[in-house]
């Protein structure tokens, strides 16, 4: 199950669109070095999984090694924030639908005490 903080408005879809989103990486210096700190990208598809696939095609497998686990799902140690909404729910997170102009932030899960 996928839960979005704030408005519970996660979207799921099956067709392919072309979408342009704004991406940022916080606490992930390897991705900042590969892709850049702030970036706009247009990609075919409309899910986080499609976005990560495009980033991997464009910038290499280093992106995939950080963002994806061995089962090709979003790495459980990576947080995805879409338009200021934290996306949680390990298994379905990569299927969350993106729309034109969304702001996607990838960051590492941190804890402490």
Protein backbone atom coordinates (compact mmCIF):
# COMPACT_ATOMS: atom_id res chain seq x y z
CA UNK A 1 0.00 0.00 0.00
CA UNK A 2 1.24 3.51 -0.78
CA UNK A 3 0.47 6.40 1.51
CA UNK A 4 1.12 10.05 0.80
CA UNK A 5 1.47 12.43 3.67
CA UNK A 6 -0.88 15.43 3.65
CA UNK A 7 -3.51 14.78 0.99
CA UNK A 8 -3.48 11.04 0.21
CA UNK A 9 -3.61 11.85 -3.52
CA UNK A 10 -1.21 9.30 -4.99
CA UNK A 11 -1.96 8.50 -8.59
CA UNK A 12 -1.43 5.20 -10.38
CA UNK A 13 -1.66 4.63 -14.11
CA UNK A 14 -0.79 2.31 -16.94
CA UNK A 15 -0.40 4.30 -20.24
CA UNK A 16 2.73 6.03 -21.49
CA UNK A 17 2.93 9.80 -21.65
CA UNK A 18 5.82 12.22 -21.97
CA UNK A 19 6.26 14.19 -18.77
CA UNK A 20 8.66 16.94 -17.72
CA UNK A 21 9.48 17.09 -14.01
CA UNK A 22 11.89 19.00 -11.79
CA UNK A 23 14.24 16.71 -9.82
CA UNK A 24 16.54 17.38 -6.89
CA UNK A 25 18.84 15.24 -4.77
CA UNK A 26 19.47 15.96 -1.08
CA UNK A 27 22.04 14.00 0.91
CA UNK A 28 22.98 11.96 -2.14
CA UNK A 29 26.29 13.48 -3.29
CA UNK A 30 27.00 10.71 -5.80
CA UNK A 31 23.78 11.54 -7.67
CA UNK A 32 24.42 15.26 -7.42
CA UNK A 33 27.82 14.64 -9.03
CA UNK A 34 26.33 12.47 -11.80
CA UNK A 35 23.14 14.38 -12.60
CA UNK A 36 23.51 17.79 -10.94
CA UNK A 37 21.85 19.26 -7.85
CA UNK A 38 18.75 20.60 -9.56
CA UNK A 39 17.58 19.37 -12.91
CA UNK A 40 14.57 19.33 -15.19
CA UNK A 41 14.04 16.20 -17.22
CA UNK A 42 11.51 15.09 -19.81
CA UNK A 43 10.91 11.36 -20.03
CA UNK A 44 8.58 8.85 -21.63
CA UNK A 45 6.26 7.32 -19.10
CA UNK A 46 4.67 8.76 -16.01
CA UNK A 47 5.87 6.88 -12.93
CA UNK A 48 8.85 7.12 -10.58
CA UNK A 49 10.03 3.84 -12.12
CA UNK A 50 9.95 5.42 -15.61
CA UNK A 51 11.82 8.49 -14.32
CA UNK A 52 14.56 6.34 -12.75
CA UNK A 53 14.82 4.30 -15.96
CA UNK A 54 15.32 7.51 -17.97
CA UNK A 55 17.91 8.82 -15.50
CA UNK A 56 19.76 5.49 -15.78
CA UNK A 57 19.69 5.60 -19.60
CA UNK A 58 20.87 9.20 -19.67
CA UNK A 59 23.45 9.20 -16.86
CA UNK A 60 24.49 5.56 -16.43
CA UNK A 61 24.07 2.70 -14.01
CA UNK A 62 25.39 4.70 -11.05
CA UNK A 63 21.93 6.24 -10.77
CA UNK A 64 20.26 2.85 -10.68
CA UNK A 65 22.73 1.47 -8.11
CA UNK A 66 21.74 4.24 -5.69
CA UNK A 67 17.98 4.50 -6.31
CA UNK A 68 16.94 0.89 -6.99
CA UNK A 69 17.20 -2.30 -4.92
CA UNK A 70 18.02 -5.82 -6.17
CA UNK A 71 14.35 -6.43 -6.99
CA UNK A 72 14.19 -3.29 -9.21
CA UNK A 73 12.04 -1.40 -6.69
CA UNK A 74 12.84 1.98 -5.21
CA UNK A 75 15.61 1.47 -2.65
CA UNK A 76 14.07 1.28 0.86
CA UNK A 77 16.75 3.70 2.15
CA UNK A 78 15.76 6.37 -0.37
CA UNK A 79 12.87 8.72 0.30
CA UNK A 80 10.88 10.11 -2.60
CA UNK A 81 9.07 13.41 -2.06
CA UNK A 82 6.69 14.57 -4.77
CA UNK A 83 5.38 18.11 -4.52
CA UNK A 84 6.21 18.19 -0.81
CA UNK A 85 4.41 14.87 -0.14
CA UNK A 86 6.48 12.02 1.25
CA UNK A 87 5.81 8.78 -0.60
CA UNK A 88 6.00 5.70 1.64
CA UNK A 89 5.12 2.05 1.09
CA UNK A 90 8.12 0.10 -0.19
CA UNK A 91 6.52 -2.12 -2.80
CA UNK A 92 4.36 0.30 -4.75
CA UNK A 93 6.36 3.54 -4.46
CA UNK A 94 7.95 3.17 -7.87
CA UNK A 95 4.48 3.02 -9.50
CA UNK A 96 3.36 6.43 -8.22
CA UNK A 97 2.28 8.54 -11.19
CA UNK A 98 3.99 11.81 -12.05
CA UNK A 99 2.41 14.67 -13.95
CA UNK A 100 3.81 17.62 -15.88
CA UNK A 101 5.65 20.07 -13.64
CA UNK A 102 5.89 17.84 -10.56
CA UNK A 103 8.82 18.47 -8.23
CA UNK A 104 10.54 15.20 -7.30
CA UNK A 105 13.11 15.10 -4.51
CA UNK A 106 15.20 12.04 -3.76
CA UNK A 107 16.90 11.97 -0.38
CA UNK A 108 18.42 9.38 1.89
CA UNK A 109 16.51 8.14 4.91
CA UNK A 110 18.25 9.43 8.00
CA UNK A 111 17.79 8.71 11.64
CA UNK A 112 19.53 9.49 14.81
CA UNK A 113 19.07 10.33 18.34
